Every structure is written in structure tokens, then in C-alpha cells.
Amino acid sequence: MDNIGSQLFDAATLMLTGMSVVFIFLTILVYLVRLMSRLVPEEVPEPISTPFQSKPVQSSAAVSPKVVAAISAAVHQYRTSAAK
């Protein structure tokens, strides 16, 4: 039977070897990814071409005064009929 000190030394050696291998692998991986990000150009999406429109589109923020008047009249009529 081996003594416990020898087994602990073997376990620590195995642990340090494994951690070192993982650390070296991850370090190499990080540097390779950085190198590839510099070498490979970034993909730029092509601009979407819009078809030519002959008449300008009215902005949704600009509401016609006629529409505002119609809505105001409808609200006023609703309020006066609901109050009776």
C-alpha cells in the first residue's frame, strides 16, 4: 500500500497538469479567434433598394384637419347623447 502523501502528490500533479492543458488550450483559442476576426472581413448587408414612388406618402404624424374635425364632432355628439 502506498502512503497517503504519495497519493496526494500524484493527485495534485494530475490536477495541475489538467488545469495547465485547459488553460493553454483556451489561451490559444482566444488568440486564434482574435486573429481570425482581423483577417476575415466583416459581412456588411447590402442596402435594400426601395421602389420609386410617384406620389409622396403622407406622414402618419400629420393628420388632416378634416379628420380632426370629424373625430371632434363625433366625440361631441357621443358625449351629448350619453349625458341625456
C-alpha atoms as a PDB file:
ATOM      1  CA  MET A   1       0.000   0.000   0.000  1.00  0.00           C
ATOM      2  CA  ASP A   2       1.146   3.449  -0.904  1.00  0.00           C
ATOM      3  CA  ASN A   3       1.050   6.068   1.744  1.00  0.00           C
ATOM      4  CA  ILE A   4      -1.460   8.903   1.582  1.00  0.00           C
ATOM      5  CA  GLY A   5       1.209  11.538   0.890  1.00  0.00           C
ATOM      6  CA  SER A   6       2.243   9.849  -2.330  1.00  0.00           C
ATOM      7  CA  GLN A   7      -1.359   9.609  -3.498  1.00  0.00           C
ATOM      8  CA  LEU A   8      -1.998  13.280  -2.699  1.00  0.00           C
ATOM      9  CA  PHE A   9       1.123  14.270  -4.624  1.00  0.00           C
ATOM     10  CA  ASP A  10       0.011  12.233  -7.646  1.00  0.00           C
ATOM     11  CA  ALA A  11      -3.494  13.767  -7.455  1.00  0.00           C
ATOM     12  CA  ALA A  12      -2.083  17.307  -7.253  1.00  0.00           C
ATOM     13  CA  THR A  13       0.256  16.648 -10.171  1.00  0.00           C
ATOM     14  CA  LEU A  14      -2.600  15.283 -12.258  1.00  0.00           C
ATOM     15  CA  MET A  15      -4.829  18.255 -11.332  1.00  0.00           C
ATOM     16  CA  LEU A  16      -2.166  20.842 -12.183  1.00  0.00           C
ATOM     17  CA  THR A  17      -1.359  19.096 -15.462  1.00  0.00           C
ATOM     18  CA  GLY A  18      -5.030  19.060 -16.473  1.00  0.00           C
ATOM     19  CA  MET A  19      -5.589  22.683 -15.493  1.00  0.00           C
ATOM     20  CA  SER A  20      -2.457  23.738 -17.379  1.00  0.00           C
ATOM     21  CA  VAL A  21      -3.554  21.914 -20.533  1.00  0.00           C
ATOM     22  CA  VAL A  22      -7.011  23.533 -20.398  1.00  0.00           C
ATOM     23  CA  PHE A  23      -5.524  26.986 -19.752  1.00  0.00           C
ATOM     24  CA  ILE A  24      -3.086  26.674 -22.658  1.00  0.00           C
ATOM     25  CA  PHE A  25      -5.830  25.400 -24.980  1.00  0.00           C
ATOM     26  CA  LEU A  26      -8.190  28.263 -24.090  1.00  0.00           C
ATOM     27  CA  THR A  27      -5.406  30.834 -24.473  1.00  0.00           C
ATOM     28  CA  ILE A  28      -4.565  29.526 -27.935  1.00  0.00           C
ATOM     29  CA  LEU A  29      -8.273  29.538 -28.817  1.00  0.00           C
ATOM     30  CA  VAL A  30      -8.698  33.176 -27.759  1.00  0.00           C
ATOM     31  CA  TYR A  31      -5.709  34.312 -29.826  1.00  0.00           C
ATOM     32  CA  LEU A  32      -6.858  32.332 -32.862  1.00  0.00           C
ATOM     33  CA  VAL A  33     -10.328  33.890 -32.677  1.00  0.00           C
ATOM     34  CA  ARG A  34      -8.795  37.374 -32.426  1.00  0.00           C
ATOM     35  CA  LEU A  35      -6.544  36.630 -35.400  1.00  0.00           C
ATOM     36  CA  MET A  36      -9.471  35.388 -37.476  1.00  0.00           C
ATOM     37  CA  SER A  37     -11.563  38.448 -36.611  1.00  0.00           C
ATOM     38  CA  ARG A  38      -8.779  40.626 -38.027  1.00  0.00           C
ATOM     39  CA  LEU A  39      -8.195  38.537 -41.147  1.00  0.00           C
ATOM     40  CA  VAL A  40     -11.774  37.757 -42.161  1.00  0.00           C
ATOM     41  CA  PRO A  41     -13.684  40.853 -43.297  1.00  0.00           C
ATOM     42  CA  GLU A  42     -16.928  41.679 -41.551  1.00  0.00           C
ATOM     43  CA  GLU A  43     -20.076  40.940 -43.542  1.00  0.00           C
ATOM     44  CA  VAL A  44     -21.892  44.121 -44.500  1.00  0.00           C
ATOM     45  CA  PRO A  45     -25.517  43.643 -45.568  1.00  0.00           C
ATOM     46  CA  GLU A  46     -26.438  45.112 -48.927  1.00  0.00           C
ATOM     47  CA  PRO A  47     -28.717  48.137 -48.741  1.00  0.00           C
ATOM     48  CA  ILE A  48     -32.338  47.396 -49.549  1.00  0.00           C
ATOM     49  CA  SER A  49     -33.463  49.250 -52.644  1.00  0.00           C
ATOM     50  CA  THR A  50     -36.909  50.792 -52.405  1.00  0.00           C
ATOM     51  CA  PRO A  51     -39.122  51.034 -55.491  1.00  0.00           C
ATOM     52  CA  PHE A  52     -39.732  54.506 -56.933  1.00  0.00           C
ATOM     53  CA  GLN A  53     -42.948  56.037 -55.655  1.00  0.00           C
ATOM     54  CA  SER A  54     -44.610  58.624 -57.874  1.00  0.00           C
ATOM     55  CA  LYS A  55     -46.648  60.371 -55.169  1.00  0.00           C
ATOM     56  CA  PRO A  56     -45.297  61.225 -51.723  1.00  0.00           C
ATOM     57  CA  VAL A  57     -46.606  59.240 -48.795  1.00  0.00           C
ATOM     58  CA  GLN A  58     -48.329  61.337 -46.141  1.00  0.00           C
ATOM     59  CA  SER A  59     -46.697  61.094 -42.742  1.00  0.00           C
ATOM     60  CA  SER A  60     -48.773  59.388 -40.067  1.00  0.00           C
ATOM     61  CA  ALA A  61     -47.877  62.207 -37.657  1.00  0.00           C
ATOM     62  CA  ALA A  62     -49.561  64.816 -39.883  1.00  0.00           C
ATOM     63  CA  VAL A  63     -53.317  64.244 -39.562  1.00  0.00           C
ATOM     64  CA  SER A  64     -55.634  66.062 -41.928  1.00  0.00           C
ATOM     65  CA  PRO A  65     -57.636  68.891 -40.326  1.00  0.00           C
ATOM     66  CA  LYS A  66     -60.817  67.392 -41.825  1.00  0.00           C
ATOM     67  CA  VAL A  67     -60.168  64.124 -39.957  1.00  0.00           C
ATOM     68  CA  VAL A  68     -59.595  66.004 -36.698  1.00  0.00           C
ATOM     69  CA  ALA A  69     -62.839  67.919 -37.187  1.00  0.00           C
ATOM     70  CA  ALA A  70     -64.787  64.721 -37.910  1.00  0.00           C
ATOM     71  CA  ILE A  71     -63.405  62.981 -34.814  1.00  0.00           C
ATOM     72  CA  SER A  72     -64.120  66.039 -32.646  1.00  0.00           C
ATOM     73  CA  ALA A  73     -67.697  66.204 -33.937  1.00  0.00           C
ATOM     74  CA  ALA A  74     -68.246  62.502 -33.286  1.00  0.00           C
ATOM     75  CA  VAL A  75     -66.873  62.747 -29.724  1.00  0.00           C
ATOM     76  CA  HIS A  76     -69.011  65.807 -29.038  1.00  0.00           C
ATOM     77  CA  GLN A  77     -72.140  64.070 -30.373  1.00  0.00           C
ATOM     78  CA  TYR A  78     -71.410  60.956 -28.295  1.00  0.00           C
ATOM     79  CA  ARG A  79     -70.914  62.960 -25.106  1.00  0.00           C
ATOM     80  CA  THR A  80     -74.117  64.972 -25.567  1.00  0.00           C
ATOM     81  CA  SER A  81     -76.207  61.864 -26.327  1.00  0.00           C
ATOM     82  CA  ALA A  82     -74.700  59.897 -23.405  1.00  0.00           C
ATOM     83  CA  ALA A  83     -75.404  62.735 -20.946  1.00  0.00           C
ATOM     84  CA  LYS A  84     -79.179  62.637 -21.609  1.00  0.00           C
END
